[in-house]
Amino acid sequence: MTSGPQAPAPRSRPRRPASVAVRGIRPPGRTRMLLMGVGDFFGFCGEVLRAGARTRFQGREFVEQAWFIATVSILPTALVAIPFGAVIALQVGSLSSQLGAESFTGSSSAVAIIREGAPLATALMLAGAAGSAICADFGARTIREEIDALRVLGIDPIERLVVPRVVAGMLVGVALTGMVMGVGIAGGYFFNVVLQHGTAGVYVDAFRNLATMPDLYASLLKGLIFGALAAIVGSFKGLRAGGGPRGVGQAVNEAVVITFLLLFLVNYLLTTVYFKLFPQVG
């Protein structure tokens, strides 16, 4: 006895990919990624501050990193400070001649270097030399899984490695700012007294009347903050590097660009606050 015609087997529905099945979840956009990165960076800054307050200071690591940052930053900063000061002296001298204030040429150029030239030159060198070196060092350790090994051993990389570099960057930033100040003052004296045959007493007296101690303190404070920012950004990008050597190179490029943007923004904010607290009197 033969059975009747059998019904065709139901067709199995093809499986949809996960990206199609879950339609409600979308990858974050650029704006959201940017905001997440900013929040991650500020969280990292908070971790550095907490680690610096609670941990036992690593003196040996601090000395080694301060020497390392100084060796990669001092020579480029000195080479940049000389033409940088000469250009400022030339521009200020031309403007002073047009206004009929030739006696203030050298001193005004030195004051301009103290207020803005020295911190900006320090910021550029710290971002380009020190920050990139710190980022490359941490990036190489990250892709070799040395940072993960420290965490497995119960050692916090921020306490052990990041905090000494931040403090070293602050110290070297102040030192570089002072060095650029000295070069700028010497350059202004040479430009005004030697090249333009001015009077040394007039230069010193005008410089004493224009420059004030708050100018010096504000400039050194900028160098301190710029050194900390360069070290923090370099550490932040280096610890999050991935993708092998190519990822490390990309992290270094991003660290330099981000540091430049932050330093110029912070410099503008600090200058604005300074002029509000210490208004310039003619």
Protein backbone atom coordinates (compact mmCIF):
# COMPACT_ATOMS: atom_id res chain seq x y z
CA MET A 1 0.00 0.00 0.00
CA THR A 2 1.51 3.24 -1.12
CA SER A 3 1.07 6.40 0.80
CA GLY A 4 -0.17 9.59 -0.81
CA PRO A 5 2.06 12.35 -1.99
CA GLN A 6 4.22 13.71 0.76
CA ALA A 7 4.24 17.42 1.55
CA PRO A 8 7.47 19.17 0.64
CA ALA A 9 9.81 19.81 3.50
CA PRO A 10 9.68 23.38 4.75
CA ARG A 11 12.53 25.51 3.60
CA SER A 12 14.88 26.69 6.30
CA ARG A 13 15.23 30.40 6.43
CA PRO A 14 18.72 31.62 5.76
CA ARG A 15 20.48 32.99 8.79
CA ARG A 16 20.87 36.68 8.82
CA PRO A 17 24.18 38.17 9.81
CA ALA A 18 24.45 39.63 13.24
CA SER A 19 24.83 43.12 11.80
CA VAL A 20 21.49 42.72 9.98
CA ALA A 21 19.69 40.83 12.76
CA VAL A 22 20.36 43.50 15.35
CA ARG A 23 19.10 46.55 13.56
CA GLY A 24 18.68 48.71 16.63
CA ILE A 25 22.43 48.85 17.44
CA ARG A 26 24.49 51.15 15.30
CA PRO A 27 28.20 51.78 15.46
CA PRO A 28 29.01 55.06 17.21
CA GLY A 29 29.46 58.05 14.95
CA ARG A 30 32.43 60.37 14.79
CA THR A 31 30.95 62.89 17.19
CA ARG A 32 30.21 60.21 19.76
CA MET A 33 33.66 58.69 19.34
CA LEU A 34 35.21 62.11 19.82
CA LEU A 35 33.23 62.75 22.98
CA MET A 36 34.10 59.30 24.29
CA GLY A 37 37.78 59.95 23.61
CA VAL A 38 37.64 63.31 25.41
CA GLY A 39 35.95 61.70 28.40
CA ASP A 40 38.51 58.89 28.41
CA PHE A 41 41.34 61.43 28.37
CA PHE A 42 39.94 63.41 31.29
CA GLY A 43 39.41 60.16 33.18
CA PHE A 44 43.05 59.30 32.54
CA CYS A 45 44.08 62.73 33.87
CA GLY A 46 42.07 62.04 37.02
CA GLU A 47 43.79 58.68 37.45
CA VAL A 48 47.19 60.34 37.12
CA LEU A 49 46.28 62.92 39.78
CA ARG A 50 44.99 60.26 42.17
CA ALA A 51 48.02 58.06 41.60
CA GLY A 52 50.38 61.00 42.18
CA ALA A 53 48.64 61.81 45.47
CA ARG A 54 48.50 58.31 46.95
CA THR A 55 51.55 56.49 45.65
CA ARG A 56 55.10 56.41 46.92
CA PHE A 57 57.11 58.60 44.56
CA GLN A 58 59.47 56.71 42.24
CA GLY A 59 62.60 58.85 42.63
CA ARG A 60 64.89 56.76 40.45
CA GLU A 61 62.40 56.60 37.60
CA PHE A 62 61.86 60.35 37.89
CA VAL A 63 65.58 61.11 37.61
CA GLU A 64 65.99 58.79 34.61
CA GLN A 65 63.00 60.26 32.79
CA ALA A 66 63.96 63.85 33.58
CA TRP A 67 67.39 63.22 32.09
CA PHE A 68 65.84 61.48 29.09
CA ILE A 69 63.37 64.31 28.39
CA ALA A 70 66.09 66.90 28.84
CA THR A 71 68.44 65.16 26.41
CA VAL A 72 65.81 64.98 23.66
CA SER A 73 64.53 68.55 24.22
CA ILE A 74 67.37 70.88 25.22
CA LEU A 75 69.30 70.97 21.94
CA PRO A 76 66.24 71.43 19.66
CA THR A 77 64.89 74.12 22.00
CA ALA A 78 68.19 75.99 22.01
CA LEU A 79 68.42 75.82 18.22
CA VAL A 80 64.85 77.08 17.84
CA ALA A 81 65.14 79.80 20.51
CA ILE A 82 67.91 81.71 18.71
CA PRO A 83 66.11 82.34 15.37
CA PHE A 84 62.79 82.62 17.20
CA GLY A 85 64.14 85.44 19.34
CA ALA A 86 65.79 87.08 16.34
CA VAL A 87 62.52 87.13 14.39
CA ILE A 88 60.63 88.62 17.33
CA ALA A 89 63.33 91.25 17.83
CA LEU A 90 63.24 92.14 14.13
CA GLN A 91 59.46 92.48 14.02
CA VAL A 92 59.23 94.44 17.27
CA GLY A 93 62.14 96.62 16.20
CA SER A 94 60.42 97.48 12.94
CA LEU A 95 57.19 98.35 14.73
CA SER A 96 59.02 100.42 17.36
CA SER A 97 60.80 102.39 14.63
CA GLN A 98 57.48 103.19 12.98
CA LEU A 99 56.09 104.42 16.30
CA GLY A 100 59.21 106.44 17.13
CA ALA A 101 60.15 104.36 20.16
CA GLU A 102 63.54 103.05 19.11
CA SER A 103 64.81 103.11 22.68
CA PHE A 104 62.28 100.44 23.65
CA THR A 105 63.13 98.07 20.78
CA GLY A 106 65.36 95.64 22.62
CA SER A 107 63.51 95.65 25.91
CA SER A 108 60.07 95.27 24.34
CA SER A 109 61.27 92.31 22.26
CA ALA A 110 62.72 90.69 25.39
CA VAL A 111 59.42 91.21 27.24
CA ALA A 112 57.53 89.64 24.32
CA ILE A 113 59.81 86.61 24.49
CA ILE A 114 59.34 86.32 28.25
CA ARG A 115 55.55 86.55 28.10
CA GLU A 116 54.77 84.46 25.01
CA GLY A 117 57.86 83.46 23.06
CA ALA A 118 59.50 81.30 25.72
CA PRO A 119 56.37 79.32 26.68
CA LEU A 120 55.40 78.75 23.04
CA ALA A 121 58.88 77.58 22.04
CA THR A 122 58.90 75.26 25.05
CA ALA A 123 55.45 73.95 24.14
CA LEU A 124 56.47 73.16 20.57
CA MET A 125 59.62 71.32 21.61
CA LEU A 126 57.94 69.41 24.41
CA ALA A 127 55.15 68.28 22.12
CA GLY A 128 57.41 67.39 19.20
CA ALA A 129 60.34 65.84 21.06
CA ALA A 130 59.40 64.82 24.60
CA GLY A 131 55.75 63.91 24.04
CA SER A 132 56.46 61.84 20.95
CA ALA A 133 59.33 60.03 22.69
CA ILE A 134 57.12 59.15 25.67
CA CYS A 135 54.32 57.97 23.37
CA ALA A 136 56.70 55.80 21.32
CA ASP A 137 58.16 54.27 24.50
CA PHE A 138 54.76 53.38 25.95
CA GLY A 139 53.45 52.23 22.57
CA ALA A 140 56.35 49.80 22.13
CA ARG A 141 55.80 48.45 25.66
CA THR A 142 52.08 48.07 25.00
CA ILE A 143 52.38 46.05 21.79
CA ARG A 144 55.02 43.86 23.45
CA GLU A 145 52.48 43.27 26.26
CA GLU A 146 54.84 44.60 28.92
CA ILE A 147 52.10 46.84 30.31
CA ASP A 148 49.74 43.86 30.61
CA ALA A 149 52.49 41.91 32.38
CA LEU A 150 52.82 44.73 34.94
CA ARG A 151 49.09 44.62 35.59
CA VAL A 152 49.21 40.85 36.03
CA LEU A 153 51.96 41.30 38.62
CA GLY A 154 49.76 43.77 40.50
CA ILE A 155 51.77 46.85 39.51
CA ASP A 156 49.81 49.90 38.36
CA PRO A 157 51.52 51.33 35.23
CA ILE A 158 50.19 54.80 36.01
CA GLU A 159 51.79 54.84 39.46
CA ARG A 160 55.00 53.17 38.36
CA LEU A 161 55.59 54.74 34.93
CA VAL A 162 53.27 57.64 34.12
CA VAL A 163 53.53 59.76 37.27
CA PRO A 164 57.36 60.02 37.21
CA ARG A 165 57.24 61.06 33.55
CA VAL A 166 54.63 63.74 34.23
CA VAL A 167 56.66 65.21 37.10
CA ALA A 168 59.82 65.05 34.97
CA GLY A 169 58.02 66.82 32.12
CA MET A 170 56.94 69.58 34.49
CA LEU A 171 60.49 70.09 35.75
CA VAL A 172 62.03 70.09 32.28
CA GLY A 173 59.29 72.43 31.02
CA VAL A 174 60.20 75.03 33.64
CA ALA A 175 63.91 74.63 32.87
CA LEU A 176 63.40 74.99 29.10
CA THR A 177 61.22 78.08 29.59
CA GLY A 178 63.93 79.70 31.69
CA MET A 179 66.56 78.83 29.09
CA VAL A 180 64.54 80.38 26.27
CA MET A 181 64.03 83.48 28.41
CA GLY A 182 67.77 83.85 28.85
CA VAL A 183 68.38 83.43 25.13
CA GLY A 184 65.66 85.97 24.35
CA ILE A 185 67.00 88.58 26.74
CA ALA A 186 70.54 88.10 25.41
CA GLY A 187 69.25 88.29 21.83
CA GLY A 188 67.36 91.50 22.54
CA TYR A 189 70.46 93.03 24.11
CA PHE A 190 72.62 92.01 21.15
CA PHE A 191 70.10 93.30 18.60
CA ASN A 192 69.58 96.65 20.36
CA VAL A 193 73.01 97.46 21.75
CA VAL A 194 75.43 95.80 19.31
CA LEU A 195 73.64 95.87 15.96
CA GLN A 196 71.64 99.07 16.38
CA HIS A 197 74.33 100.85 18.45
CA GLY A 198 71.99 101.52 21.34
CA THR A 199 72.88 102.29 24.93
CA ALA A 200 73.15 99.46 27.40
CA GLY A 201 71.83 101.58 30.26
CA VAL A 202 68.75 102.60 28.29
CA TYR A 203 68.08 98.97 27.40
CA VAL A 204 68.37 97.80 31.00
CA ASP A 205 66.25 100.68 32.33
CA ALA A 206 63.50 100.13 29.72
CA PHE A 207 63.53 96.41 30.35
CA ARG A 208 63.20 97.00 34.08
CA ASN A 209 60.21 99.29 33.55
CA LEU A 210 58.41 96.97 31.12
CA ALA A 211 59.07 93.54 32.63
CA THR A 212 57.56 92.56 35.96
CA MET A 213 57.89 89.60 38.26
CA PRO A 214 54.34 88.37 37.51
CA ASP A 215 55.43 88.07 33.86
CA LEU A 216 58.23 85.75 34.92
CA TYR A 217 56.03 83.70 37.23
CA ALA A 218 53.26 83.36 34.63
CA SER A 219 55.71 82.21 31.97
CA LEU A 220 57.27 79.60 34.26
CA LEU A 221 53.79 78.41 35.25
CA LYS A 222 52.97 77.95 31.57
CA GLY A 223 56.14 75.88 31.11
CA LEU A 224 55.13 73.74 34.10
CA ILE A 225 51.63 73.10 32.73
CA PHE A 226 52.90 72.51 29.18
CA GLY A 227 55.37 69.91 30.38
CA ALA A 228 52.64 68.08 32.29
CA LEU A 229 50.29 68.16 29.28
CA ALA A 230 52.90 66.84 26.87
CA ALA A 231 53.73 63.93 29.19
CA ILE A 232 50.09 63.08 29.91
CA VAL A 233 49.01 63.11 26.25
CA GLY A 234 52.05 61.05 25.23
CA SER A 235 51.36 58.51 27.96
CA PHE A 236 47.64 58.38 27.17
CA LYS A 237 48.13 57.67 23.47
CA GLY A 238 51.03 55.29 24.05
CA LEU A 239 49.16 53.13 26.55
CA ARG A 240 46.27 52.78 24.09
CA ALA A 241 48.36 51.99 21.02
CA GLY A 242 47.50 48.85 19.10
CA GLY A 243 47.95 47.22 15.74
CA GLY A 244 51.67 46.61 15.85
CA PRO A 245 54.38 49.08 14.84
CA ARG A 246 52.02 50.84 12.46
CA GLY A 247 49.65 51.54 15.34
CA VAL A 248 52.50 52.94 17.41
CA GLY A 249 53.44 55.34 14.63
CA GLN A 250 49.84 56.46 14.29
CA ALA A 251 49.61 56.98 18.06
CA VAL A 252 52.74 59.15 18.00
CA ASN A 253 51.30 61.33 15.22
CA GLU A 254 48.02 61.71 17.07
CA ALA A 255 49.83 62.55 20.31
CA VAL A 256 51.82 65.36 18.67
CA VAL A 257 48.74 66.87 17.00
CA ILE A 258 46.59 66.66 20.14
CA THR A 259 49.38 68.13 22.26
CA PHE A 260 49.79 71.07 19.87
CA LEU A 261 46.07 71.83 19.99
CA LEU A 262 45.85 71.54 23.78
CA LEU A 263 48.95 73.64 24.38
CA PHE A 264 47.80 76.53 22.22
CA LEU A 265 44.32 76.40 23.77
CA VAL A 266 45.68 76.32 27.31
CA ASN A 267 48.15 79.10 26.47
CA TYR A 268 45.30 81.31 25.28
CA LEU A 269 43.27 80.61 28.42
CA LEU A 270 46.21 81.25 30.75
CA THR A 271 47.11 84.50 28.96
CA THR A 272 43.52 85.71 29.19
CA VAL A 273 43.35 84.95 32.91
CA TYR A 274 46.74 86.62 33.45
CA PHE A 275 45.68 89.88 31.81
CA LYS A 276 42.49 89.84 33.87
CA LEU A 277 44.38 89.38 37.12
CA PHE A 278 47.27 91.70 36.21
CA PRO A 279 45.95 94.43 33.90
CA GLN A 280 48.64 96.22 31.95
CA VAL A 281 49.10 99.84 32.96
CA GLY A 282 50.62 102.30 30.51
